[in-house]
Amino acid sequence: MTQGAGQGPAMRTDTLRDFRVPVTEPALHAVATGLPDAPPVYGEYPAYYESGAAPSVPPQPGYPPQARTHQPAAHLPAAPQPIAPPQSVAPQAAAPQAPYLDAHAHVRPDVEPAHAMTEAPDEEEPEGYTPTYRDLPVIGRGALGGPGDTVQVQYVPQDQAAGPGPLYVVGDVHGYLDELVAELQAQGLIDAERRWSAGNARLWFLGDFTDRGPDGIGVIDLVMRLSAEAAAAGGYCKALMGNHELLLIGAKRFGDTPVVSGAGTATFQAAWLLNGGQRTDMERLQDVHLQWMSRLDAAVLEEGHLLLHSDTTAYLDYGDSIEDVNDTIHELLNRGDADITWDLFRKFTKRFAFRDEGTGPAAVRELLDTYGGSRVVHGHSPIPYLLGEVGTEDGDESRGPEAVDGPHVYAEGLAIAMDGGVTMAGKLLVVQLPLSD
């Protein structure tokens, strides 16, 4: 599989990824779009806006700090159109240029906002789809880059007496396929052809496969294929649901449908664009991807490690056991209700529950006492934000995200942060557990 799955170069969208750390755990931040009668849009990080200011308010000096070098977002592909089932996809003519979002998520006032599908996908299963358990890959027509593509795997018998293989976890990928491939190869998990080469090893992704980076769908396709190949070799490759999976599902299913928000009216489409949604990902998103994401679990316990996506205690709202949490979230997501899906997204966008030296360890212990394990391992909050290393007012980047070279252990040793900040020139982390510390 090559980056882009047969598509042209992906245009990067500037996003609110590099603002300084707020003092308290943020809620979704509402930003006026400047369009008549338009609802505000919502971002994961609070920006610096003056009340009632026009969309052209300049950023504060020194912010945001330098992010990864990327192409300007002034010429994005056309707004995504409803995608037909894979078997009926036909070539489309080029469409007019679509509106863009700048680094502070302001929409151009001279254009209408982009639209996406506003209804839940058809509940009928696509042609050739075989129902599986939710932690197994769902591979169907068109899932790997073209109609009729399939995954060919060869079963390799393993010595069951040897026990399970080594355990690895992967932090937030956010569309950086090439960086993911490089790190998986460095750990010996895949070979030069991007095929599973780790035998009975166990690999867990902590969520957030798409948005901000150039090839989120390519990342999902790779993880789906590796899941099949690892299972055939006696190991496994599995994944947790992140808030960006919920965001992408919502943007596809509900588009511009208004949802109830504590800060006013919101839409998934606006929130998705604000948080780095890539139009090329939406254009390539297919039913098999949506089905796979919808089946992902939210939490799992592996050898004393409680694996989660978000550093929040919101998981406690959904059950007193890991099984209850996963079942409840799946049931709520499968209702196809925009407000319910938005509430899930909102809760799992919360962060920094473990960061405060006074209250953080107690928050981690509450999760561990409820669900088991001796340590929480999470993604979601970039390590540079947890450390406050996001640059300074004078532009000094000496303490910036480039300094991240491994997981961050904190909250009295009870929490391990795995988001190395790949979206801001940090590092995409692939680490073997337990840590040697």
Protein backbone atom coordinates (compact mmCIF):
# COMPACT_ATOMS: atom_id res chain seq x y z
CA MET A 1 0.00 0.00 0.00
CA THR A 2 1.38 3.42 -0.84
CA GLN A 3 0.54 6.69 0.80
CA GLY A 4 -2.60 8.15 -0.69
CA ALA A 5 -3.90 4.78 -1.93
CA GLY A 6 -3.69 5.89 -5.53
CA GLN A 7 -4.69 9.49 -4.82
CA GLY A 8 -2.73 12.63 -5.61
CA PRO A 9 -0.81 14.59 -2.97
CA ALA A 10 -3.02 15.53 -0.02
CA MET A 11 -3.30 19.17 0.93
CA ARG A 12 -2.71 19.88 4.62
CA THR A 13 -5.18 21.98 6.59
CA ASP A 14 -3.87 24.39 9.21
CA THR A 15 -5.48 23.62 12.55
CA LEU A 16 -5.67 24.70 16.18
CA ARG A 17 -3.02 22.25 17.29
CA ASP A 18 -0.32 24.47 18.72
CA PHE A 19 -1.86 26.85 21.24
CA ARG A 20 -0.42 27.18 24.72
CA VAL A 21 -1.64 24.94 27.55
CA PRO A 22 -4.71 26.24 29.39
CA VAL A 23 -4.65 26.33 33.17
CA THR A 24 -7.68 24.07 33.51
CA GLU A 25 -9.11 21.23 31.48
CA PRO A 26 -10.76 22.87 28.47
CA ALA A 27 -14.17 22.36 27.06
CA LEU A 28 -14.74 22.64 23.33
CA HIS A 29 -14.07 26.25 22.39
CA ALA A 30 -16.73 28.06 20.37
CA VAL A 31 -15.58 30.40 17.60
CA ALA A 32 -17.82 32.65 15.53
CA THR A 33 -17.51 31.98 11.81
CA GLY A 34 -18.40 35.46 10.61
CA LEU A 35 -21.16 34.08 8.38
CA PRO A 36 -24.75 35.38 8.67
CA ASP A 37 -26.84 33.15 10.94
CA ALA A 38 -24.01 30.59 11.05
CA PRO A 39 -23.40 28.60 14.25
CA PRO A 40 -20.04 28.75 16.01
CA VAL A 41 -17.45 26.05 15.36
CA TYR A 42 -15.60 24.10 18.02
CA GLY A 43 -11.97 23.17 18.53
CA GLU A 44 -10.11 20.90 20.93
CA TYR A 45 -7.81 23.67 22.12
CA PRO A 46 -8.86 27.19 23.15
CA ALA A 47 -7.61 29.90 20.80
CA TYR A 48 -6.98 33.55 21.43
CA TYR A 49 -10.02 35.41 20.19
CA GLU A 50 -11.33 38.80 21.23
CA SER A 51 -15.03 38.86 22.01
CA GLY A 52 -16.92 39.78 18.87
CA ALA A 53 -13.74 40.21 16.88
CA ALA A 54 -13.71 39.85 13.11
CA PRO A 55 -12.20 36.70 11.56
CA SER A 56 -9.05 38.63 10.68
CA VAL A 57 -7.85 38.98 14.30
CA PRO A 58 -4.07 38.38 14.17
CA PRO A 59 -2.51 35.67 16.35
CA GLN A 60 -0.63 36.53 19.52
CA PRO A 61 3.13 37.09 19.10
CA GLY A 62 4.97 33.81 19.03
CA TYR A 63 1.81 31.67 18.68
CA PRO A 64 1.22 29.20 17.37
CA PRO A 65 4.77 27.81 17.48
CA GLN A 66 6.23 26.37 14.31
CA ALA A 67 4.41 23.24 13.24
CA ARG A 68 5.45 20.68 10.65
CA THR A 69 6.29 22.14 7.28
CA HIS A 70 3.28 21.72 5.07
CA GLN A 71 1.62 23.00 1.96
CA PRO A 72 -0.60 26.09 2.24
CA ALA A 73 -4.28 25.32 2.54
CA ALA A 74 -5.51 27.96 0.12
CA HIS A 75 -6.33 25.48 -2.64
CA LEU A 76 -8.19 22.55 -1.16
CA PRO A 77 -10.22 20.06 -3.22
CA ALA A 78 -13.95 20.52 -3.53
CA ALA A 79 -16.22 20.03 -0.55
CA PRO A 80 -17.02 16.34 0.01
CA GLN A 81 -20.14 15.01 -1.62
CA PRO A 82 -22.23 12.06 -0.39
CA ILE A 83 -20.30 8.92 -1.17
CA ALA A 84 -22.12 6.06 -2.86
CA PRO A 85 -21.44 2.44 -1.85
CA PRO A 86 -18.03 1.34 -3.18
CA GLN A 87 -19.45 -0.84 -5.93
CA SER A 88 -21.20 2.11 -7.54
CA VAL A 89 -18.42 4.69 -7.36
CA ALA A 90 -17.88 6.41 -10.67
CA PRO A 91 -15.28 9.00 -11.72
CA GLN A 92 -16.36 12.55 -10.96
CA ALA A 93 -15.51 15.72 -12.78
CA ALA A 94 -13.42 18.33 -11.05
CA ALA A 95 -15.43 20.60 -8.77
CA PRO A 96 -14.90 24.26 -7.88
CA GLN A 97 -12.50 25.21 -5.14
CA ALA A 98 -13.89 24.86 -1.61
CA PRO A 99 -13.53 27.28 1.31
CA TYR A 100 -10.55 26.91 3.57
CA LEU A 101 -9.80 27.39 7.23
CA ASP A 102 -6.75 29.33 8.37
CA ALA A 103 -4.61 28.54 11.40
CA HIS A 104 -7.22 30.11 13.69
CA ALA A 105 -10.19 28.26 12.21
CA HIS A 106 -11.90 31.28 10.66
CA VAL A 107 -14.08 30.64 7.62
CA ARG A 108 -13.88 32.99 4.67
CA PRO A 109 -16.90 35.31 4.91
CA ASP A 110 -17.44 35.31 1.15
CA VAL A 111 -18.23 31.61 0.82
CA GLU A 112 -20.75 29.18 2.22
CA PRO A 113 -19.54 26.43 4.58
CA ALA A 114 -18.87 22.98 3.17
CA HIS A 115 -21.56 20.34 3.53
CA ALA A 116 -21.42 16.63 4.17
CA MET A 117 -23.97 13.89 4.47
CA THR A 118 -26.60 14.65 7.10
CA GLU A 119 -28.15 11.24 7.48
CA ALA A 120 -26.88 8.08 9.06
CA PRO A 121 -25.52 5.54 6.57
CA ASP A 122 -27.75 2.78 5.33
CA GLU A 123 -27.91 0.02 7.91
CA GLU A 124 -27.74 -2.66 5.21
CA GLU A 125 -24.37 -4.35 5.02
CA PRO A 126 -22.38 -3.73 1.83
CA GLU A 127 -22.00 -6.42 -0.78
CA GLY A 128 -19.39 -8.96 0.18
CA TYR A 129 -19.30 -7.96 3.85
CA THR A 130 -19.01 -10.74 6.42
CA PRO A 131 -19.95 -9.84 10.03
CA THR A 132 -17.09 -10.36 12.49
CA TYR A 133 -16.32 -9.70 16.11
CA ARG A 134 -15.73 -6.01 16.67
CA ASP A 135 -11.99 -6.37 17.35
CA LEU A 136 -11.30 -8.17 14.08
CA PRO A 137 -10.64 -6.35 10.81
CA VAL A 138 -13.52 -5.64 8.44
CA ILE A 139 -12.16 -5.83 4.93
CA GLY A 140 -14.48 -5.31 1.99
CA ARG A 141 -14.60 -4.14 -1.56
CA GLY A 142 -12.55 -1.03 -2.12
CA ALA A 143 -11.13 -0.92 1.39
CA LEU A 144 -7.51 -0.94 0.30
CA GLY A 145 -7.49 1.50 -2.56
CA GLY A 146 -9.55 0.03 -5.38
CA PRO A 147 -12.71 -1.94 -6.13
CA GLY A 148 -12.25 -5.61 -5.55
CA ASP A 149 -9.09 -5.31 -3.41
CA THR A 150 -8.74 -8.04 -0.83
CA VAL A 151 -6.23 -9.01 1.84
CA GLN A 152 -4.36 -12.26 1.28
CA VAL A 153 -2.89 -13.71 4.48
CA GLN A 154 -1.14 -16.98 5.17
CA TYR A 155 -1.71 -18.74 8.47
CA VAL A 156 1.55 -19.41 10.29
CA PRO A 157 1.23 -21.93 13.18
CA GLN A 158 2.70 -20.71 16.46
CA ASP A 159 3.96 -22.63 19.46
CA GLN A 160 1.15 -21.94 21.94
CA ALA A 161 3.32 -23.19 24.82
CA ALA A 162 5.56 -20.16 24.29
CA GLY A 163 2.76 -17.87 25.45
CA PRO A 164 1.81 -14.48 24.04
CA GLY A 165 4.39 -12.32 22.31
CA PRO A 166 5.67 -8.90 23.35
CA LEU A 167 3.16 -6.06 23.85
CA TYR A 168 3.45 -2.76 21.97
CA VAL A 169 1.36 0.41 21.97
CA VAL A 170 1.14 3.21 19.39
CA GLY A 171 0.25 6.81 20.17
CA ASP A 172 -1.84 9.20 18.07
CA VAL A 173 -1.04 8.90 14.34
CA HIS A 174 -3.25 11.68 12.89
CA GLY A 175 -2.70 10.77 9.25
CA TYR A 176 1.11 10.57 9.31
CA LEU A 177 1.36 7.29 7.44
CA ASP A 178 5.04 7.51 6.49
CA GLU A 179 6.08 8.25 10.08
CA LEU A 180 3.97 5.32 11.30
CA VAL A 181 5.54 2.94 8.79
CA ALA A 182 9.04 4.07 9.77
CA GLU A 183 8.40 3.50 13.49
CA LEU A 184 6.74 0.10 12.98
CA GLN A 185 9.67 -0.98 10.84
CA ALA A 186 12.16 0.29 13.43
CA GLN A 187 10.47 -1.93 16.04
CA GLY A 188 10.52 -4.94 13.71
CA LEU A 189 6.72 -5.14 13.56
CA ILE A 190 6.47 -4.81 9.77
CA ASP A 191 8.92 -5.50 6.95
CA ALA A 192 10.09 -3.43 4.00
CA GLU A 193 6.86 -4.31 2.16
CA ARG A 194 4.77 -3.06 5.10
CA ARG A 195 3.65 -6.59 5.95
CA TRP A 196 3.33 -7.96 9.48
CA SER A 197 6.65 -9.52 10.50
CA ALA A 198 6.35 -9.79 14.28
CA GLY A 199 4.85 -13.28 14.64
CA ASN A 200 2.83 -13.53 17.84
CA ALA A 201 3.53 -9.98 19.00
CA ARG A 202 0.60 -7.89 20.25
CA LEU A 203 0.06 -4.36 19.01
CA TRP A 204 -2.47 -1.82 20.28
CA PHE A 205 -3.22 1.53 18.65
CA LEU A 206 -4.59 4.11 21.09
CA GLY A 207 -6.83 5.89 18.54
CA ASP A 208 -6.86 9.10 16.48
CA PHE A 209 -5.88 7.74 13.07
CA THR A 210 -7.09 10.65 10.96
CA ASP A 211 -7.23 14.47 10.74
CA ARG A 212 -4.40 17.02 10.63
CA GLY A 213 -2.00 14.76 8.70
CA PRO A 214 -2.03 13.96 4.98
CA ASP A 215 -3.29 10.35 4.81
CA GLY A 216 -5.69 9.28 7.54
CA ILE A 217 -7.51 6.75 5.35
CA GLY A 218 -4.15 5.24 4.39
CA VAL A 219 -3.43 4.77 8.09
CA ILE A 220 -6.78 3.05 8.68
CA ASP A 221 -6.25 0.77 5.66
CA LEU A 222 -2.81 -0.23 6.96
CA VAL A 223 -4.11 -1.00 10.47
CA MET A 224 -7.02 -3.03 9.07
CA ARG A 225 -4.68 -5.10 6.92
CA LEU A 226 -2.15 -5.62 9.71
CA SER A 227 -4.99 -6.85 11.93
CA ALA A 228 -5.66 -9.69 9.50
CA GLU A 229 -1.99 -10.49 8.95
CA ALA A 230 -1.13 -10.47 12.66
CA ALA A 231 -4.06 -12.75 13.50
CA ALA A 232 -2.91 -15.21 10.84
CA ALA A 233 0.60 -15.21 12.36
CA GLY A 234 -0.63 -15.93 15.89
CA GLY A 235 -0.41 -12.36 17.20
CA TYR A 236 -2.80 -9.46 16.97
CA CYS A 237 -3.08 -5.83 15.96
CA LYS A 238 -6.01 -4.02 17.56
CA ALA A 239 -7.15 -0.46 18.09
CA LEU A 240 -9.07 1.77 20.48
CA MET A 241 -11.57 4.45 19.54
CA GLY A 242 -10.31 8.02 19.82
CA ASN A 243 -12.24 11.26 19.81
CA HIS A 244 -11.23 11.86 16.18
CA GLU A 245 -12.85 8.58 15.15
CA LEU A 246 -16.06 9.83 16.79
CA LEU A 247 -15.60 13.17 15.04
CA LEU A 248 -15.14 11.62 11.60
CA ILE A 249 -18.11 9.29 12.08
CA GLY A 250 -20.23 12.26 13.10
CA ALA A 251 -19.08 14.44 10.20
CA LYS A 252 -19.94 11.69 7.73
CA ARG A 253 -23.28 10.72 9.26
CA PHE A 254 -24.63 14.09 10.36
CA GLY A 255 -22.73 16.79 8.46
CA ASP A 256 -24.30 20.20 9.12
CA THR A 257 -27.14 18.90 11.28
CA PRO A 258 -27.29 21.17 14.36
CA VAL A 259 -26.48 19.47 17.66
CA VAL A 260 -27.01 20.58 21.23
CA SER A 261 -23.90 22.01 22.86
CA GLY A 262 -23.22 23.72 26.15
CA ALA A 263 -21.70 26.64 24.22
CA GLY A 264 -24.59 26.95 21.75
CA THR A 265 -25.46 25.30 18.47
CA ALA A 266 -22.74 23.21 16.85
CA THR A 267 -22.29 20.89 13.87
CA PHE A 268 -19.99 17.94 13.33
CA GLN A 269 -18.95 19.28 9.92
CA ALA A 270 -17.68 22.56 11.38
CA ALA A 271 -15.93 20.83 14.29
CA TRP A 272 -14.30 18.31 11.95
CA LEU A 273 -12.91 21.02 9.69
CA LEU A 274 -11.71 23.08 12.64
CA ASN A 275 -9.87 20.10 14.11
CA GLY A 276 -7.91 19.25 10.98
CA GLY A 277 -10.42 17.31 8.89
CA GLN A 278 -8.90 16.48 5.50
CA ARG A 279 -11.21 16.61 2.48
CA THR A 280 -9.21 13.87 0.78
CA ASP A 281 -9.97 11.59 3.75
CA MET A 282 -13.69 12.34 3.49
CA GLU A 283 -13.67 11.66 -0.24
CA ARG A 284 -12.01 8.26 0.30
CA LEU A 285 -14.01 7.29 3.40
CA GLN A 286 -16.07 4.17 2.71
CA ASP A 287 -18.61 2.06 4.56
CA VAL A 288 -15.98 -0.50 5.59
CA HIS A 289 -13.99 2.26 7.31
CA LEU A 290 -17.07 3.52 9.16
CA GLN A 291 -18.04 0.00 10.24
CA TRP A 292 -14.52 -0.71 11.48
CA MET A 293 -14.31 2.52 13.47
CA SER A 294 -17.79 2.02 14.95
CA ARG A 295 -16.76 -1.39 16.33
CA LEU A 296 -13.62 -0.19 18.12
CA ASP A 297 -13.54 -0.55 21.88
CA ALA A 298 -12.88 2.41 24.17
CA ALA A 299 -10.84 0.66 26.87
CA VAL A 300 -8.90 -2.56 27.40
CA LEU A 301 -6.73 -4.09 30.14
CA GLU A 302 -3.45 -5.67 29.03
CA GLU A 303 -0.97 -7.09 31.55
CA GLY A 304 -1.77 -4.53 34.21
CA HIS A 305 -1.94 -1.63 31.74
CA LEU A 306 -5.31 0.09 31.38
CA LEU A 307 -5.22 1.29 27.78
CA LEU A 308 -7.37 4.33 26.97
CA HIS A 309 -7.36 7.02 24.34
CA SER A 310 -8.15 10.09 26.44
CA ASP A 311 -6.67 11.29 29.73
CA THR A 312 -10.11 11.87 31.22
CA THR A 313 -12.29 10.22 33.83
CA ALA A 314 -15.32 10.41 31.49
CA TYR A 315 -15.08 6.63 31.01
CA LEU A 316 -16.64 6.29 34.46
CA ASP A 317 -19.88 7.75 33.07
CA TYR A 318 -20.42 4.63 30.95
CA GLY A 319 -20.00 1.70 33.31
CA ASP A 320 -18.26 0.07 36.26
CA SER A 321 -16.37 -2.45 34.15
CA ILE A 322 -14.45 -2.33 30.89
CA GLU A 323 -17.04 -4.55 29.26
CA ASP A 324 -19.85 -2.24 30.37
CA VAL A 325 -18.02 0.83 29.06
CA ASN A 326 -17.42 -0.70 25.65
CA ASP A 327 -20.92 -2.12 25.31
CA THR A 328 -22.57 1.14 26.40
CA ILE A 329 -20.54 3.26 23.98
CA HIS A 330 -21.27 0.90 21.10
CA GLU A 331 -24.97 0.91 21.89
CA LEU A 332 -25.10 4.71 22.06
CA LEU A 333 -23.12 5.14 18.86
CA ASN A 334 -25.30 2.67 16.98
CA ARG A 335 -28.44 4.68 17.75
CA GLY A 336 -27.50 7.04 14.94
CA ASP A 337 -28.49 10.08 16.98
CA ALA A 338 -26.51 13.28 16.33
CA ASP A 339 -26.87 14.70 19.85
CA ILE A 340 -25.85 11.42 21.52
CA THR A 341 -22.84 11.06 19.23
CA TRP A 342 -21.87 14.68 19.91
CA ASP A 343 -22.01 14.05 23.66
CA LEU A 344 -19.67 11.07 23.23
CA PHE A 345 -17.27 13.18 21.18
CA ARG A 346 -17.43 16.06 23.68
CA LYS A 347 -16.66 13.85 26.68
CA PHE A 348 -13.74 12.06 25.04
CA THR A 349 -12.26 15.35 23.89
CA LYS A 350 -11.68 16.33 27.54
CA ARG A 351 -8.09 16.10 28.68
CA PHE A 352 -5.50 16.80 31.40
CA ALA A 353 -7.40 15.01 34.19
CA PHE A 354 -4.13 13.45 35.42
CA ARG A 355 -1.80 16.42 35.00
CA ASP A 356 -2.36 18.37 38.23
CA GLU A 357 0.09 17.25 40.92
CA GLY A 358 -2.58 17.48 43.60
CA THR A 359 -5.60 15.87 41.94
CA GLY A 360 -4.07 13.92 39.04
CA PRO A 361 -2.91 10.79 40.88
CA ALA A 362 -6.30 10.44 42.59
CA ALA A 363 -8.06 10.64 39.20
CA VAL A 364 -5.84 7.86 37.83
CA ARG A 365 -6.42 5.71 40.92
CA GLU A 366 -10.18 6.08 40.53
CA LEU A 367 -9.95 4.60 37.04
CA LEU A 368 -7.58 1.83 38.12
CA ASP A 369 -9.69 0.94 41.17
CA THR A 370 -12.76 0.66 38.93
CA TYR A 371 -11.35 -1.11 35.87
CA GLY A 372 -8.19 -2.79 37.17
CA GLY A 373 -4.53 -2.46 36.33
CA SER A 374 -1.58 -0.67 37.87
CA ARG A 375 -1.01 2.02 35.23
CA VAL A 376 -3.07 3.97 32.72
CA VAL A 377 -1.58 4.27 29.23
CA HIS A 378 -3.19 6.97 27.08
CA GLY A 379 -2.81 9.14 24.00
CA HIS A 380 -4.85 12.24 23.15
CA SER A 381 -2.94 14.98 25.01
CA PRO A 382 0.40 15.71 23.32
CA ILE A 383 3.34 15.34 25.68
CA PRO A 384 4.54 18.90 24.86
CA TYR A 385 1.25 20.20 26.27
CA LEU A 386 1.53 18.07 29.39
CA LEU A 387 5.02 19.46 29.95
CA GLY A 388 4.19 23.03 28.93
CA GLU A 389 6.83 22.78 26.19
CA VAL A 390 5.07 24.61 23.38
CA GLY A 391 7.46 27.49 22.74
CA THR A 392 7.70 30.93 24.26
CA GLU A 393 6.49 34.42 23.46
CA ASP A 394 9.86 35.37 21.92
CA GLY A 395 9.74 32.42 19.55
CA ASP A 396 12.31 30.30 21.39
CA GLU A 397 11.61 26.71 20.42
CA SER A 398 14.46 25.17 22.46
CA ARG A 399 11.91 23.50 24.76
CA GLY A 400 9.54 22.64 21.94
CA PRO A 401 8.09 19.32 20.84
CA GLU A 402 11.31 18.27 19.13
CA ALA A 403 12.58 17.33 22.61
CA VAL A 404 10.07 14.45 22.90
CA ASP A 405 11.93 11.17 22.52
CA GLY A 406 9.73 8.75 24.45
CA PRO A 407 6.63 8.30 26.61
CA HIS A 408 5.96 10.65 29.51
CA VAL A 409 5.46 8.94 32.90
CA TYR A 410 3.67 11.16 35.42
CA ALA A 411 0.93 11.31 38.11
CA GLU A 412 3.24 9.62 40.63
CA GLY A 413 4.17 7.00 38.05
CA LEU A 414 0.56 5.89 37.52
CA ALA A 415 0.07 7.34 34.01
CA ILE A 416 1.98 6.98 30.74
CA ALA A 417 1.33 9.52 27.98
CA MET A 418 1.91 8.22 24.44
CA ASP A 419 1.04 11.16 22.16
CA GLY A 420 4.49 12.44 21.18
CA GLY A 421 3.11 15.40 19.23
CA VAL A 422 3.67 14.19 15.68
CA THR A 423 1.34 16.94 14.43
CA MET A 424 3.76 19.61 15.65
CA ALA A 425 7.13 18.21 14.62
CA GLY A 426 7.27 15.89 17.61
CA LYS A 427 7.58 12.11 17.50
CA LEU A 428 5.15 9.33 16.68
CA LEU A 429 5.66 6.83 19.49
CA VAL A 430 5.66 3.03 19.15
CA VAL A 431 6.74 1.56 22.50
CA GLN A 432 7.03 -1.88 24.06
CA LEU A 433 5.37 -2.43 27.43
CA PRO A 434 6.16 -2.67 30.25
CA LEU A 435 8.53 0.28 30.27
CA SER A 436 11.98 -0.28 31.68
CA ASP A 437 11.62 2.56 34.21
